[in-house]
PDB file of N, CA and C in Angstrom:
ATOM      1  N   MET A   1      35.473   7.354   0.428  1.00  0.00           N
ATOM      2  CA  MET A   1      34.082   7.371   0.818  1.00  0.00           C
ATOM      3  C   MET A   1      33.230   7.044  -0.413  1.00  0.00           C
ATOM      4  N   SER A   2      32.257   6.172  -0.244  1.00  0.00           N
ATOM      5  CA  SER A   2      31.435   5.734  -1.367  1.00  0.00           C
ATOM      6  C   SER A   2      30.406   6.797  -1.748  1.00  0.00           C
ATOM      7  N   HIS A   3      29.871   6.617  -2.929  1.00  0.00           N
ATOM      8  CA  HIS A   3      28.839   7.535  -3.412  1.00  0.00           C
ATOM      9  C   HIS A   3      27.604   7.483  -2.502  1.00  0.00           C
ATOM     10  N   ILE A   4      27.306   6.302  -1.991  1.00  0.00           N
ATOM     11  CA  ILE A   4      26.159   6.143  -1.092  1.00  0.00           C
ATOM     12  C   ILE A   4      26.389   6.921   0.202  1.00  0.00           C
ATOM     13  N   GLN A   5      27.595   6.841   0.743  1.00  0.00           N
ATOM     14  CA  GLN A   5      27.909   7.576   1.970  1.00  0.00           C
ATOM     15  C   GLN A   5      27.857   9.083   1.736  1.00  0.00           C
ATOM     16  N   ASN A   6      28.344   9.516   0.570  1.00  0.00           N
ATOM     17  CA  ASN A   6      28.264  10.943   0.234  1.00  0.00           C
ATOM     18  C   ASN A   6      26.814  11.404   0.176  1.00  0.00           C
ATOM     19  N   MET A   7      25.961  10.557  -0.419  1.00  0.00           N
ATOM     20  CA  MET A   7      24.545  10.900  -0.497  1.00  0.00           C
ATOM     21  C   MET A   7      23.940  10.984   0.899  1.00  0.00           C
ATOM     22  N   SER A   8      24.288  10.053   1.742  1.00  0.00           N
ATOM     23  CA  SER A   8      23.780  10.042   3.113  1.00  0.00           C
ATOM     24  C   SER A   8      24.191  11.315   3.850  1.00  0.00           C
ATOM     25  N   MET A   9      25.442  11.703   3.708  1.00  0.00           N
ATOM     26  CA  MET A   9      25.924  12.928   4.351  1.00  0.00           C
ATOM     27  C   MET A   9      25.190  14.153   3.800  1.00  0.00           C
ATOM     28  N   ARG A  10      25.000  14.183   2.488  1.00  0.00           N
ATOM     29  CA  ARG A  10      24.321  15.320   1.863  1.00  0.00           C
ATOM     30  C   ARG A  10      22.871  15.413   2.347  1.00  0.00           C
ATOM     31  N   LEU A  11      22.206  14.254   2.453  1.00  0.00           N
ATOM     32  CA  LEU A  11      20.829  14.251   2.958  1.00  0.00           C
ATOM     33  C   LEU A  11      20.765  14.778   4.388  1.00  0.00           C
ATOM     34  N   ASN A  12      21.731  14.401   5.204  1.00  0.00           N
ATOM     35  CA  ASN A  12      21.760  14.896   6.586  1.00  0.00           C
ATOM     36  C   ASN A  12      21.961  16.408   6.627  1.00  0.00           C
ATOM     37  N   GLN A  13      22.837  16.921   5.760  1.00  0.00           N
ATOM     38  CA  GLN A  13      23.048  18.367   5.688  1.00  0.00           C
ATOM     39  C   GLN A  13      21.772  19.080   5.247  1.00  0.00           C
ATOM     40  N   LEU A  14      21.135  18.528   4.210  1.00  0.00           N
ATOM     41  CA  LEU A  14      19.906  19.137   3.707  1.00  0.00           C
ATOM     42  C   LEU A  14      18.786  19.078   4.739  1.00  0.00           C
ATOM     43  N   SER A  15      18.765  18.012   5.520  1.00  0.00           N
ATOM     44  CA  SER A  15      17.755  17.888   6.569  1.00  0.00           C
ATOM     45  C   SER A  15      17.901  19.018   7.580  1.00  0.00           C
ATOM     46  N   SER A  16      19.133  19.294   7.970  1.00  0.00           N
ATOM     47  CA  SER A  16      19.387  20.405   8.901  1.00  0.00           C
ATOM     48  C   SER A  16      18.999  21.742   8.279  1.00  0.00           C
ATOM     49  N   GLN A  17      19.350  21.920   7.010  1.00  0.00           N
ATOM     50  CA  GLN A  17      19.011  23.164   6.317  1.00  0.00           C
ATOM     51  C   GLN A  17      17.499  23.321   6.181  1.00  0.00           C
ATOM     52  N   LEU A  18      16.810  22.206   5.896  1.00  0.00           N
ATOM     53  CA  LEU A  18      15.357  22.247   5.754  1.00  0.00           C
ATOM     54  C   LEU A  18      14.699  22.619   7.075  1.00  0.00           C
ATOM     55  N   THR A  19      15.177  22.040   8.148  1.00  0.00           N
ATOM     56  CA  THR A  19      14.637  22.364   9.466  1.00  0.00           C
ATOM     57  C   THR A  19      14.801  23.853   9.755  1.00  0.00           C
ATOM     58  N   ALA A  20      16.002  24.376   9.528  1.00  0.00           N
ATOM     59  CA  ALA A  20      16.267  25.797   9.781  1.00  0.00           C
ATOM     60  C   ALA A  20      15.426  26.685   8.869  1.00  0.00           C
ATOM     61  N   ALA A  21      15.353  26.337   7.594  1.00  0.00           N
ATOM     62  CA  ALA A  21      14.582  27.148   6.645  1.00  0.00           C
ATOM     63  C   ALA A  21      13.104  27.157   7.022  1.00  0.00           C
ATOM     64  N   GLY A  22      12.584  26.011   7.422  1.00  0.00           N
ATOM     65  CA  GLY A  22      11.184  25.934   7.830  1.00  0.00           C
ATOM     66  C   GLY A  22      10.903  26.740   9.073  1.00  0.00           C
ATOM     67  N   GLN A  23      11.802  26.657  10.044  1.00  0.00           N
ATOM     68  CA  GLN A  23      11.614  27.385  11.297  1.00  0.00           C
ATOM     69  C   GLN A  23      11.734  28.890  11.106  1.00  0.00           C
ATOM     70  N   ASN A  24      12.573  29.307  10.162  1.00  0.00           N
ATOM     71  CA  ASN A  24      12.810  30.732   9.942  1.00  0.00           C
ATOM     72  C   ASN A  24      11.918  31.324   8.859  1.00  0.00           C
ATOM     73  N   GLY A  25      11.026  30.498   8.285  1.00  0.00           N
ATOM     74  CA  GLY A  25      10.139  30.999   7.246  1.00  0.00           C
ATOM     75  C   GLY A  25      10.846  31.346   5.955  1.00  0.00           C
ATOM     76  N   ARG A  26      11.997  30.730   5.715  1.00  0.00           N
ATOM     77  CA  ARG A  26      12.784  31.007   4.506  1.00  0.00           C
ATOM     78  C   ARG A  26      12.325  30.086   3.377  1.00  0.00           C
ATOM     79  N   LEU A  27      11.203  30.421   2.779  1.00  0.00           N
ATOM     80  CA  LEU A  27      10.610  29.569   1.767  1.00  0.00           C
ATOM     81  C   LEU A  27      11.424  29.529   0.483  1.00  0.00           C
ATOM     82  N   ASP A  28      12.218  30.566   0.226  1.00  0.00           N
ATOM     83  CA  ASP A  28      13.102  30.531  -0.931  1.00  0.00           C
ATOM     84  C   ASP A  28      14.136  29.422  -0.765  1.00  0.00           C
ATOM     85  N   GLU A  29      14.652  29.258   0.442  1.00  0.00           N
ATOM     86  CA  GLU A  29      15.605  28.186   0.717  1.00  0.00           C
ATOM     87  C   GLU A  29      14.940  26.823   0.621  1.00  0.00           C
ATOM     88  N   VAL A  30      13.695  26.732   1.079  1.00  0.00           N
ATOM     89  CA  VAL A  30      12.958  25.470   0.975  1.00  0.00           C
ATOM     90  C   VAL A  30      12.860  25.070  -0.492  1.00  0.00           C
ATOM     91  N   GLY A  31      12.578  26.021  -1.357  1.00  0.00           N
ATOM     92  CA  GLY A  31      12.501  25.747  -2.795  1.00  0.00           C
ATOM     93  C   GLY A  31      13.806  25.219  -3.358  1.00  0.00           C
ATOM     94  N   LEU A  32      14.918  25.804  -2.922  1.00  0.00           N
ATOM     95  CA  LEU A  32      16.229  25.327  -3.377  1.00  0.00           C
ATOM     96  C   LEU A  32      16.506  23.916  -2.871  1.00  0.00           C
ATOM     97  N   ILE A  33      16.122  23.654  -1.646  1.00  0.00           N
ATOM     98  CA  ILE A  33      16.320  22.325  -1.064  1.00  0.00           C
ATOM     99  C   ILE A  33      15.487  21.300  -1.821  1.00  0.00           C
ATOM    100  N   VAL A  34      14.275  21.672  -2.202  1.00  0.00           N
ATOM    101  CA  VAL A  34      13.423  20.764  -2.974  1.00  0.00           C
ATOM    102  C   VAL A  34      14.104  20.394  -4.291  1.00  0.00           C
ATOM    103  N   SER A  35      14.745  21.360  -4.934  1.00  0.00           N
ATOM    104  CA  SER A  35      15.467  21.075  -6.177  1.00  0.00           C
ATOM    105  C   SER A  35      16.587  20.072  -5.939  1.00  0.00           C
ATOM    106  N   GLU A  36      17.322  20.261  -4.863  1.00  0.00           N
ATOM    107  CA  GLU A  36      18.403  19.331  -4.538  1.00  0.00           C
ATOM    108  C   GLU A  36      17.858  17.947  -4.193  1.00  0.00           C
ATOM    109  N   LEU A  37      16.733  17.905  -3.489  1.00  0.00           N
ATOM    110  CA  LEU A  37      16.121  16.615  -3.152  1.00  0.00           C
ATOM    111  C   LEU A  37      15.691  15.876  -4.410  1.00  0.00           C
ATOM    112  N   SER A  38      15.209  16.607  -5.376  1.00  0.00           N
ATOM    113  CA  SER A  38      14.807  16.002  -6.640  1.00  0.00           C
ATOM    114  C   SER A  38      16.010  15.363  -7.338  1.00  0.00           C
ATOM    115  N   GLN A  39      17.130  16.068  -7.333  1.00  0.00           N
ATOM    116  CA  GLN A  39      18.358  15.524  -7.927  1.00  0.00           C
ATOM    117  C   GLN A  39      18.832  14.294  -7.163  1.00  0.00           C
ATOM    118  N   LEU A  40      18.784  14.368  -5.838  1.00  0.00           N
ATOM    119  CA  LEU A  40      19.204  13.225  -5.026  1.00  0.00           C
ATOM    120  C   LEU A  40      18.282  12.029  -5.227  1.00  0.00           C
ATOM    121  N   TYR A  41      17.002  12.290  -5.440  1.00  0.00           N
ATOM    122  CA  TYR A  41      16.052  11.210  -5.688  1.00  0.00           C
ATOM    123  C   TYR A  41      16.425  10.466  -6.974  1.00  0.00           C
ATOM    124  N   THR A  42      16.772  11.230  -8.010  1.00  0.00           N
ATOM    125  CA  THR A  42      17.194  10.617  -9.275  1.00  0.00           C
ATOM    126  C   THR A  42      18.473   9.810  -9.077  1.00  0.00           C
ATOM    127  N   GLU A  43      19.430  10.364  -8.352  1.00  0.00           N
ATOM    128  CA  GLU A  43      20.673   9.642  -8.066  1.00  0.00           C
ATOM    129  C   GLU A  43      20.398   8.361  -7.290  1.00  0.00           C
ATOM    130  N   LEU A  44      19.512   8.450  -6.322  1.00  0.00           N
ATOM    131  CA  LEU A  44      19.168   7.284  -5.515  1.00  0.00           C
ATOM    132  C   LEU A  44      18.533   6.196  -6.375  1.00  0.00           C
ATOM    133  N   GLN A  45      17.640   6.580  -7.272  1.00  0.00           N
ATOM    134  CA  GLN A  45      17.032   5.600  -8.171  1.00  0.00           C
ATOM    135  C   GLN A  45      18.095   4.920  -9.030  1.00  0.00           C
ATOM    136  N   ASN A  46      19.054   5.698  -9.517  1.00  0.00           N
ATOM    137  CA  ASN A  46      20.133   5.133 -10.330  1.00  0.00           C
ATOM    138  C   ASN A  46      20.987   4.168  -9.519  1.00  0.00           C
ATOM    139  N   LEU A  47      21.288   4.542  -8.281  1.00  0.00           N
ATOM    140  CA  LEU A  47      22.075   3.657  -7.419  1.00  0.00           C
ATOM    141  C   LEU A  47      21.313   2.371  -7.113  1.00  0.00           C
ATOM    142  N   GLN A  48      20.024   2.494  -6.871  1.00  0.00           N
ATOM    143  CA  GLN A  48      19.229   1.303  -6.578  1.00  0.00           C
ATOM    144  C   GLN A  48      19.122   0.400  -7.800  1.00  0.00           C
ATOM    145  N   ALA A  49      19.056   0.989  -8.977  1.00  0.00           N
ATOM    146  CA  ALA A  49      18.989   0.201 -10.205  1.00  0.00           C
ATOM    147  C   ALA A  49      20.297  -0.549 -10.457  1.00  0.00           C
ATOM    148  N   ALA A  50      21.392  -0.018  -9.915  1.00  0.00           N
ATOM    149  CA  ALA A  50      22.705  -0.634 -10.118  1.00  0.00           C
ATOM    150  C   ALA A  50      23.019  -1.730  -9.100  1.00  0.00           C
ATOM    151  N   VAL A  51      22.123  -1.970  -8.148  1.00  0.00           N
ATOM    152  CA  VAL A  51      22.354  -3.000  -7.132  1.00  0.00           C
ATOM    153  C   VAL A  51      22.372  -4.373  -7.801  1.00  0.00           C
ATOM    154  N   THR A  52      23.382  -5.146  -7.449  1.00  0.00           N
ATOM    155  CA  THR A  52      23.512  -6.510  -7.975  1.00  0.00           C
ATOM    156  C   THR A  52      23.605  -7.477  -6.805  1.00  0.00           C
ATOM    157  N   SER A  53      23.721  -8.738  -7.140  1.00  0.00           N
ATOM    158  CA  SER A  53      23.858  -9.749  -6.089  1.00  0.00           C
ATOM    159  C   SER A  53      25.171  -9.583  -5.331  1.00  0.00           C
ATOM    160  N   GLU A  54      26.136  -8.908  -5.942  1.00  0.00           N
ATOM    161  CA  GLU A  54      27.418  -8.676  -5.271  1.00  0.00           C
ATOM    162  C   GLU A  54      27.412  -7.454  -4.359  1.00  0.00           C
ATOM    163  N   THR A  55      26.368  -6.656  -4.427  1.00  0.00           N
ATOM    164  CA  THR A  55      26.286  -5.468  -3.579  1.00  0.00           C
ATOM    165  C   THR A  55      26.171  -5.910  -2.123  1.00  0.00           C
ATOM    166  N   SER A  56      27.002  -5.329  -1.288  1.00  0.00           N
ATOM    167  CA  SER A  56      27.025  -5.727   0.124  1.00  0.00           C
ATOM    168  C   SER A  56      25.710  -5.382   0.817  1.00  0.00           C
ATOM    169  N   SER A  57      25.431  -6.124   1.861  1.00  0.00           N
ATOM    170  CA  SER A  57      24.204  -5.859   2.617  1.00  0.00           C
ATOM    171  C   SER A  57      24.268  -4.492   3.294  1.00  0.00           C
ATOM    172  N   SER A  58      25.458  -4.064   3.691  1.00  0.00           N
ATOM    173  CA  SER A  58      25.575  -2.739   4.318  1.00  0.00           C
ATOM    174  C   SER A  58      25.281  -1.632   3.302  1.00  0.00           C
ATOM    175  N   ALA A  59      25.723  -1.816   2.059  1.00  0.00           N
ATOM    176  CA  ALA A  59      25.430  -0.824   1.017  1.00  0.00           C
ATOM    177  C   ALA A  59      23.935  -0.794   0.724  1.00  0.00           C
ATOM    178  N   ARG A  60      23.318  -1.973   0.682  1.00  0.00           N
ATOM    179  CA  ARG A  60      21.870  -2.043   0.459  1.00  0.00           C
ATOM    180  C   ARG A  60      21.120  -1.340   1.593  1.00  0.00           C
ATOM    181  N   GLN A  61      21.568  -1.587   2.820  1.00  0.00           N
ATOM    182  CA  GLN A  61      20.912  -0.964   3.973  1.00  0.00           C
ATOM    183  C   GLN A  61      21.078   0.548   3.941  1.00  0.00           C
ATOM    184  N   GLU A  62      22.246   1.007   3.542  1.00  0.00           N
ATOM    185  CA  GLU A  62      22.487   2.450   3.444  1.00  0.00           C
ATOM    186  C   GLU A  62      21.566   3.078   2.396  1.00  0.00           C
ATOM    187  N   LEU A  63      21.335   2.367   1.292  1.00  0.00           N
ATOM    188  CA  LEU A  63      20.398   2.859   0.277  1.00  0.00           C
ATOM    189  C   LEU A  63      18.980   2.958   0.846  1.00  0.00           C
ATOM    190  N   VAL A  64      18.587   1.946   1.601  1.00  0.00           N
ATOM    191  CA  VAL A  64      17.267   1.968   2.243  1.00  0.00           C
ATOM    192  C   VAL A  64      17.177   3.153   3.202  1.00  0.00           C
ATOM    193  N   ASN A  65      18.227   3.357   3.988  1.00  0.00           N
ATOM    194  CA  ASN A  65      18.245   4.482   4.935  1.00  0.00           C
ATOM    195  C   ASN A  65      18.134   5.821   4.208  1.00  0.00           C
ATOM    196  N   CYS A  66      18.865   5.947   3.094  1.00  0.00           N
ATOM    197  CA  CYS A  66      18.794   7.184   2.306  1.00  0.00           C
ATOM    198  C   CYS A  66      17.379   7.405   1.788  1.00  0.00           C
ATOM    199  N   ARG A  67      16.760   6.339   1.325  1.00  0.00           N
ATOM    200  CA  ARG A  67      15.392   6.456   0.803  1.00  0.00           C
ATOM    201  C   ARG A  67      14.424   6.887   1.909  1.00  0.00           C
ATOM    202  N   ILE A  68      14.579   6.325   3.094  1.00  0.00           N
ATOM    203  CA  ILE A  68      13.717   6.686   4.227  1.00  0.00           C
ATOM    204  C   ILE A  68      13.893   8.161   4.582  1.00  0.00           C
ATOM    205  N   VAL A  69      15.139   8.608   4.670  1.00  0.00           N
ATOM    206  CA  VAL A  69      15.417  10.014   4.998  1.00  0.00           C
ATOM    207  C   VAL A  69      14.850  10.925   3.915  1.00  0.00           C
ATOM    208  N   LEU A  70      15.062  10.554   2.665  1.00  0.00           N
ATOM    209  CA  LEU A  70      14.579  11.365   1.552  1.00  0.00           C
ATOM    210  C   LEU A  70      13.058  11.495   1.582  1.00  0.00           C
ATOM    211  N   HIS A  71      12.371  10.396   1.795  1.00  0.00           N
ATOM    212  CA  HIS A  71      10.907  10.457   1.863  1.00  0.00           C
ATOM    213  C   HIS A  71      10.441  11.259   3.078  1.00  0.00           C
ATOM    214  N   GLY A  72      11.141  11.142   4.187  1.00  0.00           N
ATOM    215  CA  GLY A  72      10.806  11.944   5.359  1.00  0.00           C
ATOM    216  C   GLY A  72      10.959  13.427   5.088  1.00  0.00           C
ATOM    217  N   MET A  73      11.998  13.782   4.352  1.00  0.00           N
ATOM    218  CA  MET A  73      12.214  15.187   4.019  1.00  0.00           C
ATOM    219  C   MET A  73      11.147  15.688   3.047  1.00  0.00           C
ATOM    220  N   MET A  74      10.748  14.844   2.113  1.00  0.00           N
ATOM    221  CA  MET A  74       9.689  15.231   1.183  1.00  0.00           C
ATOM    222  C   MET A  74       8.376  15.450   1.940  1.00  0.00           C
ATOM    223  N   ASP A  75       8.122  14.619   2.939  1.00  0.00           N
ATOM    224  CA  ASP A  75       6.945  14.817   3.797  1.00  0.00           C
ATOM    225  C   ASP A  75       7.054  16.131   4.568  1.00  0.00           C
ATOM    226  N   ALA A  76       8.260  16.431   5.059  1.00  0.00           N
ATOM    227  CA  ALA A  76       8.472  17.674   5.804  1.00  0.00           C
ATOM    228  C   ALA A  76       8.239  18.888   4.910  1.00  0.00           C
ATOM    229  N   VAL A  77       8.687  18.805   3.655  1.00  0.00           N
ATOM    230  CA  VAL A  77       8.455  19.902   2.709  1.00  0.00           C
ATOM    231  C   VAL A  77       6.956  20.104   2.517  1.00  0.00           C
ATOM    232  N   GLN A  78       6.235  19.007   2.373  1.00  0.00           N
ATOM    233  CA  GLN A  78       4.779  19.113   2.210  1.00  0.00           C
ATOM    234  C   GLN A  78       4.137  19.748   3.441  1.00  0.00           C
ATOM    235  N   ASP A  79       4.628  19.378   4.620  1.00  0.00           N
ATOM    236  CA  ASP A  79       4.113  19.979   5.856  1.00  0.00           C
ATOM    237  C   ASP A  79       4.367  21.483   5.883  1.00  0.00           C
ATOM    238  N   ILE A  80       5.557  21.895   5.456  1.00  0.00           N
ATOM    239  CA  ILE A  80       5.893  23.324   5.407  1.00  0.00           C
ATOM    240  C   ILE A  80       4.944  24.035   4.451  1.00  0.00           C
ATOM    241  N   ARG A  81       4.757  23.450   3.281  1.00  0.00           N
ATOM    242  CA  ARG A  81       3.881  24.075   2.287  1.00  0.00           C
ATOM    243  C   ARG A  81       2.442  24.170   2.792  1.00  0.00           C
ATOM    244  N   THR A  82       1.980  23.120   3.431  1.00  0.00           N
ATOM    245  CA  THR A  82       0.610  23.121   3.955  1.00  0.00           C
ATOM    246  C   THR A  82       0.441  24.192   5.028  1.00  0.00           C
ATOM    247  N   ALA A  83       1.390  24.256   5.966  1.00  0.00           N
ATOM    248  CA  ALA A  83       1.319  25.253   7.039  1.00  0.00           C
ATOM    249  C   ALA A  83       1.409  26.664   6.474  1.00  0.00           C
ATOM    250  N   THR A  84       2.274  26.851   5.500  1.00  0.00           N
ATOM    251  CA  THR A  84       2.434  28.163   4.894  1.00  0.00           C
ATOM    252  C   THR A  84       1.177  28.565   4.132  1.00  0.00           C
ATOM    253  N   ALA A  85       0.613  27.616   3.402  1.00  0.00           N
ATOM    254  CA  ALA A  85      -0.611  27.910   2.650  1.00  0.00           C
ATOM    255  C   ALA A  85      -1.741  28.304   3.594  1.00  0.00           C
ATOM    256  N   GLU A  86      -1.851  27.602   4.708  1.00  0.00           N
ATOM    257  CA  GLU A  86      -2.908  27.926   5.674  1.00  0.00           C
ATOM    258  C   GLU A  86      -2.695  29.318   6.260  1.00  0.00           C
ATOM    259  N   GLN A  87      -1.458  29.626   6.605  1.00  0.00           N
ATOM    260  CA  GLN A  87      -1.187  30.958   7.148  1.00  0.00           C
ATOM    261  C   GLN A  87      -1.454  32.019   6.086  1.00  0.00           C
ATOM    262  N   TYR A  88      -1.073  31.720   4.872  1.00  0.00           N
ATOM    263  CA  TYR A  88      -1.301  32.668   3.790  1.00  0.00           C
ATOM    264  C   TYR A  88      -2.802  32.912   3.608  1.00  0.00           C
ATOM    265  N   ARG A  89      -3.599  31.843   3.682  1.00  0.00           N
ATOM    266  CA  ARG A  89      -5.057  31.988   3.570  1.00  0.00           C
ATOM    267  C   ARG A  89      -5.599  32.873   4.694  1.00  0.00           C
ATOM    268  N   GLN A  90      -5.052  32.709   5.888  1.00  0.00           N
ATOM    269  CA  GLN A  90      -5.498  33.529   7.015  1.00  0.00           C
ATOM    270  C   GLN A  90      -5.165  34.997   6.780  1.00  0.00           C
ATOM    271  N   VAL A  91      -3.993  35.247   6.214  1.00  0.00           N
ATOM    272  CA  VAL A  91      -3.575  36.614   5.936  1.00  0.00           C
ATOM    273  C   VAL A  91      -4.444  37.223   4.838  1.00  0.00           C
ATOM    274  N   LEU A  92      -4.856  36.393   3.883  1.00  0.00           N
ATOM    275  CA  LEU A  92      -5.655  36.894   2.766  1.00  0.00           C
ATOM    276  C   LEU A  92      -7.022  37.413   3.187  1.00  0.00           C
ATOM    277  N   GLY A  93      -7.571  36.821   4.222  1.00  0.00           N
ATOM    278  CA  GLY A  93      -8.885  37.258   4.685  1.00  0.00           C
ATOM    279  C   GLY A  93      -9.953  37.081   3.626  1.00  0.00           C
ATOM    280  N   GLU A  94     -10.524  38.204   3.178  1.00  0.00           N
ATOM    281  CA  GLU A  94     -11.643  38.133   2.235  1.00  0.00           C
ATOM    282  C   GLU A  94     -11.226  37.639   0.855  1.00  0.00           C
ATOM    283  N   ASN A  95      -9.959  37.665   0.532  1.00  0.00           N
ATOM    284  CA  ASN A  95      -9.482  37.165  -0.760  1.00  0.00           C
ATOM    285  C   ASN A  95      -9.205  35.665  -0.723  1.00  0.00           C
ATOM    286  N   LYS A  96      -9.551  35.026   0.370  1.00  0.00           N
ATOM    287  CA  LYS A  96      -9.287  33.597   0.548  1.00  0.00           C
ATOM    288  C   LYS A  96      -9.924  32.763  -0.560  1.00  0.00           C
ATOM    289  N   THR A  97     -11.144  33.062  -0.914  1.00  0.00           N
ATOM    290  CA  THR A  97     -11.855  32.289  -1.934  1.00  0.00           C
ATOM    291  C   THR A  97     -11.124  32.359  -3.270  1.00  0.00           C
ATOM    292  N   VAL A  98     -10.669  33.537  -3.641  1.00  0.00           N
ATOM    293  CA  VAL A  98      -9.933  33.704  -4.893  1.00  0.00           C
ATOM    294  C   VAL A  98      -8.656  32.877  -4.859  1.00  0.00           C
ATOM    295  N   PHE A  99      -7.934  32.932  -3.754  1.00  0.00           N
ATOM    296  CA  PHE A  99      -6.697  32.168  -3.611  1.00  0.00           C
ATOM    297  C   PHE A  99      -6.966  30.676  -3.755  1.00  0.00           C
ATOM    298  N   GLU A 100      -8.011  30.192  -3.110  1.00  0.00           N
ATOM    299  CA  GLU A 100      -8.305  28.760  -3.133  1.00  0.00           C
ATOM    300  C   GLU A 100      -8.752  28.284  -4.504  1.00  0.00           C
ATOM    301  N   GLN A 101      -9.213  29.179  -5.356  1.00  0.00           N
ATOM    302  CA  GLN A 101      -9.620  28.786  -6.701  1.00  0.00           C
ATOM    303  C   GLN A 101      -8.432  28.652  -7.647  1.00  0.00           C
ATOM    304  N   LEU A 102      -7.278  29.152  -7.257  1.00  0.00           N
ATOM    305  CA  LEU A 102      -6.073  28.991  -8.065  1.00  0.00           C
ATOM    306  C   LEU A 102      -5.632  27.541  -8.024  1.00  0.00           C
ATOM    307  N   ASP A 103      -4.980  27.097  -9.099  1.00  0.00           N
ATOM    308  CA  ASP A 103      -4.444  25.739  -9.043  1.00  0.00           C
ATOM    309  C   ASP A 103      -3.254  25.714  -8.089  1.00  0.00           C
ATOM    310  N   GLU A 104      -2.827  24.510  -7.722  1.00  0.00           N
ATOM    311  CA  GLU A 104      -1.787  24.370  -6.696  1.00  0.00           C
ATOM    312  C   GLU A 104      -0.495  25.079  -7.084  1.00  0.00           C
ATOM    313  N   ALA A 105      -0.113  24.992  -8.358  1.00  0.00           N
ATOM    314  CA  ALA A 105       1.132  25.638  -8.794  1.00  0.00           C
ATOM    315  C   ALA A 105       1.050  27.150  -8.612  1.00  0.00           C
ATOM    316  N   ALA A 106      -0.083  27.727  -8.961  1.00  0.00           N
ATOM    317  CA  ALA A 106      -0.250  29.177  -8.799  1.00  0.00           C
ATOM    318  C   ALA A 106      -0.256  29.565  -7.328  1.00  0.00           C
ATOM    319  N   GLN A 107      -0.885  28.737  -6.488  1.00  0.00           N
ATOM    320  CA  GLN A 107      -0.873  29.002  -5.049  1.00  0.00           C
ATOM    321  C   GLN A 107       0.553  28.996  -4.527  1.00  0.00           C
ATOM    322  N   GLN A 108       1.327  27.989  -4.933  1.00  0.00           N
ATOM    323  CA  GLN A 108       2.698  27.891  -4.433  1.00  0.00           C
ATOM    324  C   GLN A 108       3.541  29.057  -4.916  1.00  0.00           C
ATOM    325  N   ARG A 109       3.327  29.503  -6.148  1.00  0.00           N
ATOM    326  CA  ARG A 109       4.077  30.667  -6.631  1.00  0.00           C
ATOM    327  C   ARG A 109       3.781  31.880  -5.755  1.00  0.00           C
ATOM    328  N   ARG A 110       2.520  32.047  -5.382  1.00  0.00           N
ATOM    329  CA  ARG A 110       2.161  33.182  -4.524  1.00  0.00           C
ATOM    330  C   ARG A 110       2.703  32.996  -3.111  1.00  0.00           C
ATOM    331  N   ILE A 111       2.657  31.780  -2.629  1.00  0.00           N
ATOM    332  CA  ILE A 111       3.152  31.513  -1.277  1.00  0.00           C
ATOM    333  C   ILE A 111       4.648  31.760  -1.210  1.00  0.00           C
ATOM    334  N   PHE A 112       5.384  31.228  -2.191  1.00  0.00           N
ATOM    335  CA  PHE A 112       6.834  31.327  -2.143  1.00  0.00           C
ATOM    336  C   PHE A 112       7.341  32.682  -2.621  1.00  0.00           C
ATOM    337  N   ALA A 113       6.454  33.533  -3.133  1.00  0.00           N
ATOM    338  CA  ALA A 113       6.878  34.851  -3.591  1.00  0.00           C
ATOM    339  C   ALA A 113       7.212  35.773  -2.430  1.00  0.00           C
ATOM    340  N   LYS A 114       6.572  35.552  -1.281  1.00  0.00           N
ATOM    341  CA  LYS A 114       6.798  36.408  -0.116  1.00  0.00           C
ATOM    342  C   LYS A 114       7.154  35.535   1.077  1.00  0.00           C
ATOM    343  N   PRO A 115       8.234  35.877   1.781  1.00  0.00           N
ATOM    344  CA  PRO A 115       8.542  35.097   2.978  1.00  0.00           C
ATOM    345  C   PRO A 115       7.502  35.351   4.063  1.00  0.00           C
ATOM    346  N   ILE A 116       7.039  34.276   4.660  1.00  0.00           N
ATOM    347  CA  ILE A 116       6.079  34.357   5.756  1.00  0.00           C
ATOM    348  C   ILE A 116       6.668  33.575   6.917  1.00  0.00           C
ATOM    349  N   ASN A 117       6.717  34.191   8.072  1.00  0.00           N
ATOM    350  CA  ASN A 117       7.209  33.476   9.244  1.00  0.00           C
ATOM    351  C   ASN A 117       6.156  32.487   9.690  1.00  0.00           C
ATOM    352  N   ILE A 118       6.581  31.237   9.849  1.00  0.00           N
ATOM    353  CA  ILE A 118       5.658  30.205  10.295  1.00  0.00           C
ATOM    354  C   ILE A 118       6.262  29.482  11.478  1.00  0.00           C
ATOM    355  N   VAL A 119       5.395  28.945  12.292  1.00  0.00           N
ATOM    356  CA  VAL A 119       5.849  28.104  13.391  1.00  0.00           C
ATOM    357  C   VAL A 119       5.846  26.690  12.847  1.00  0.00           C
ATOM    358  N   TRP A 120       6.995  26.047  12.846  1.00  0.00           N
ATOM    359  CA  TRP A 120       7.115  24.738  12.230  1.00  0.00           C
ATOM    360  C   TRP A 120       8.162  23.941  12.969  1.00  0.00           C
ATOM    361  N   ARG A 121       7.919  22.639  13.043  1.00  0.00           N
ATOM    362  CA  ARG A 121       8.926  21.769  13.645  1.00  0.00           C
ATOM    363  C   ARG A 121       8.971  20.473  12.862  1.00  0.00           C
ATOM    364  N   LEU A 122      10.141  19.911  12.756  1.00  0.00           N
ATOM    365  CA  LEU A 122      10.335  18.632  12.087  1.00  0.00           C
ATOM    366  C   LEU A 122      10.214  17.550  13.127  1.00  0.00           C
ATOM    367  N   SER A 123       9.270  16.664  12.932  1.00  0.00           N
ATOM    368  CA  SER A 123       9.070  15.600  13.911  1.00  0.00           C
ATOM    369  C   SER A 123       9.465  14.270  13.333  1.00  0.00           C
TER     370      SER A 123
END
């Protein structure tokens, strides 16, 4: 099995894990998946840089497919974070203004510090 196929399989596994983590409000798992996606993104860039005129069209297409899946998952992560942040703001109530004045990194640290059940679906 080629490295590209392994990456494709890994992305599919992570996609399933991301869906489950998002649906179950397991933001700690989402964070771990984001780390793995970052590593896969670097690997994908390296594989794309290694493409030559001898690279088969099927291998090129598989790389494109991996890139599409990876970007879709990154969008899904952003959707999870946005939904979680909104729910967190609702829970904060009167402290909402203070929360919104934090920079994004500080907001995410607070969001991911406590699991919050969210209604989420991957579309």
